[in-house]
Protein backbone atom coordinates (compact mmCIF):
# COMPACT_ATOMS: atom_id res chain seq x y z
CA MET A 1 -99.50 -52.13 30.64
CA ASN A 2 -96.24 -49.82 28.80
CA GLY A 3 -93.51 -47.94 30.67
CA PRO A 4 -91.20 -49.18 33.47
CA THR A 5 -91.90 -51.81 36.10
CA ARG A 6 -91.84 -51.09 40.07
CA LEU A 7 -88.72 -52.91 40.35
CA GLN A 8 -87.35 -50.73 37.58
CA PHE A 9 -88.25 -48.00 40.06
CA GLU A 10 -86.66 -49.50 43.14
CA ASP A 11 -83.49 -50.39 40.63
CA ALA A 12 -83.46 -46.56 40.16
CA THR A 13 -83.98 -44.96 43.34
CA GLN A 14 -81.09 -48.05 44.55
CA ASP A 15 -79.00 -46.39 42.41
CA LEU A 16 -79.65 -42.56 43.49
CA ASP A 17 -78.94 -43.53 46.91
CA SER A 18 -75.73 -44.87 46.05
CA VAL A 19 -74.64 -41.56 43.62
CA LYS A 20 -76.07 -39.05 46.54
CA GLU A 21 -73.35 -39.43 49.05
CA LYS A 22 -69.89 -40.12 48.02
CA ARG A 23 -67.80 -38.57 50.52
CA ARG A 24 -65.54 -40.07 52.54
CA HIS A 25 -66.64 -38.19 56.31
CA PRO A 26 -70.31 -37.41 56.64
CA ARG A 27 -71.78 -34.21 56.99
CA PHE A 28 -73.40 -32.62 59.77
CA HIS A 29 -75.79 -30.03 60.37
CA LEU A 30 -74.24 -27.23 62.21
CA ASP A 31 -75.41 -23.70 63.27
CA LEU A 32 -72.56 -21.75 64.24
CA PRO A 33 -70.96 -18.38 63.51
CA ILE A 34 -67.49 -18.21 62.25
CA GLU A 35 -64.78 -15.71 61.90
CA PHE A 36 -62.74 -15.70 58.50
CA ARG A 37 -59.84 -13.58 56.80
CA VAL A 38 -58.80 -13.96 53.94
CA MET A 39 -54.84 -15.43 54.17
CA ASP A 40 -52.55 -12.31 54.76
CA ALA A 41 -55.19 -9.82 55.57
CA THR A 42 -56.37 -7.88 58.35
CA HIS A 43 -60.19 -7.40 57.60
CA VAL A 44 -62.49 -10.57 59.55
CA ARG A 45 -65.77 -11.19 58.12
CA GLY A 46 -68.47 -13.14 59.90
CA ALA A 47 -70.46 -16.28 57.94
CA MET A 48 -72.79 -19.24 59.90
CA ILE A 49 -71.89 -22.85 59.26
CA VAL A 50 -74.46 -24.81 57.45
CA ASN A 51 -73.28 -28.10 57.61
CA ALA A 52 -69.08 -29.44 58.81
CA SER A 53 -67.81 -32.87 58.30
CA GLU A 54 -64.25 -33.92 59.46
CA THR A 55 -62.44 -32.31 56.21
CA GLY A 56 -64.79 -29.63 55.51
CA LEU A 57 -67.54 -26.78 56.02
CA LEU A 58 -70.10 -25.59 54.30
CA ILE A 59 -70.66 -21.89 55.26
CA GLN A 60 -72.83 -18.96 53.82
CA SER A 61 -71.84 -15.35 54.08
CA PRO A 62 -73.06 -12.36 52.77
CA ASN A 63 -69.33 -11.94 51.12
CA GLY A 64 -68.12 -13.62 48.05
CA VAL A 65 -64.55 -14.95 47.85
CA PRO A 66 -63.21 -16.92 45.02
CA ALA A 67 -62.02 -20.61 44.89
CA GLY A 68 -58.68 -21.40 45.14
CA THR A 69 -58.26 -18.61 48.27
CA LYS A 70 -57.07 -19.68 51.78
CA LEU A 71 -59.03 -18.39 54.96
CA ASN A 72 -57.74 -18.33 58.44
CA ILE A 73 -61.31 -19.60 60.11
CA ALA A 74 -62.37 -19.85 63.48
CA VAL A 75 -65.30 -21.55 64.53
CA LEU A 76 -67.39 -20.16 67.91
CA PHE A 77 -69.61 -22.84 69.82
CA SER A 78 -70.36 -22.65 73.57
CA LYS A 79 -68.68 -25.39 75.51
CA GLY A 80 -70.79 -25.97 78.86
CA PHE A 81 -71.34 -21.87 80.35
CA GLU A 82 -68.47 -20.56 78.50
CA LEU A 83 -67.82 -19.80 74.56
CA ALA A 84 -64.86 -21.52 73.02
CA ASN A 85 -63.64 -21.65 69.60
CA PHE A 86 -61.17 -23.78 67.57
CA GLU A 87 -58.62 -22.37 64.32
CA VAL A 88 -58.47 -24.00 60.96
CA LEU A 89 -56.63 -22.88 57.86
CA ALA A 90 -58.95 -23.93 54.57
CA GLU A 91 -59.44 -23.15 51.28
CA VAL A 92 -62.32 -22.39 49.04
CA VAL A 93 -63.36 -24.98 46.82
CA TRP A 94 -66.38 -23.69 45.19
CA THR A 95 -68.83 -20.86 45.65
CA LYS A 96 -72.34 -20.69 44.53
CA THR A 97 -74.07 -17.38 44.82
CA TYR A 98 -77.67 -17.19 46.21
CA LEU A 99 -80.71 -14.33 47.18
CA ARG A 100 -81.54 -13.80 50.80
CA GLU A 101 -83.72 -11.66 52.19
CA GLY A 102 -83.62 -9.88 48.88
CA LYS A 103 -79.82 -9.68 48.76
CA GLN A 104 -76.93 -11.47 47.09
CA ALA A 105 -75.34 -13.76 49.63
CA TYR A 106 -73.23 -16.98 49.03
CA GLU A 107 -72.63 -20.51 49.92
CA LEU A 108 -68.95 -21.44 49.93
CA GLY A 109 -67.75 -25.44 50.27
CA LEU A 110 -64.30 -25.05 52.06
CA LYS A 111 -62.04 -27.80 52.56
CA PHE A 112 -59.71 -27.99 55.50
CA ILE A 113 -55.95 -27.85 54.41
CA ARG A 114 -54.51 -27.16 58.36
CA MET A 115 -55.61 -27.93 62.07
CA LEU A 116 -53.85 -28.41 64.91
CA GLU A 117 -54.86 -32.00 66.72
CA GLU A 118 -56.55 -30.41 69.89
CA ASP A 119 -58.75 -28.17 66.89
CA ARG A 120 -59.06 -31.33 65.46
CA GLN A 121 -60.67 -33.12 68.41
CA LYS A 122 -62.91 -29.81 69.51
CA LEU A 123 -64.38 -30.79 65.84
CA LYS A 124 -64.92 -34.10 66.52
CA HIS A 125 -66.79 -33.38 69.66
CA LEU A 126 -68.81 -30.98 67.75
CA LEU A 127 -69.17 -33.60 65.12
CA GLY A 128 -70.63 -35.56 67.80
CA ASP A 129 -67.61 -38.32 67.45
CA GLY A 130 -65.68 -37.01 70.47
CA GLU A 131 -65.22 -38.03 73.83
């Protein structure tokens, strides 16, 4: 019988699993709105978080932002019966375009640059890591 053996397939699968996730912090799916503005700009834009970790976000936005751009971000979430938020300074690491409902939209990979400890605790709580 020619071709790969079952053992070779299992080894390849294990290799893919170990390559798949090299991040230091796991990502968690979040479906939360954010407001962001380019540093030193006054125009506020909206977007949605796709996933988050302790070190960054993946967001979807109708607006493209070039890699290297620094953003002031406010993440909005419900805390009991109230609306709460936390703020962070992040940098766009990468941008990808895609079609959403026939219109061009953007996915942005963001890494956190600066966050107050109080806001970091709020993020950890959202990720299921806080008390």
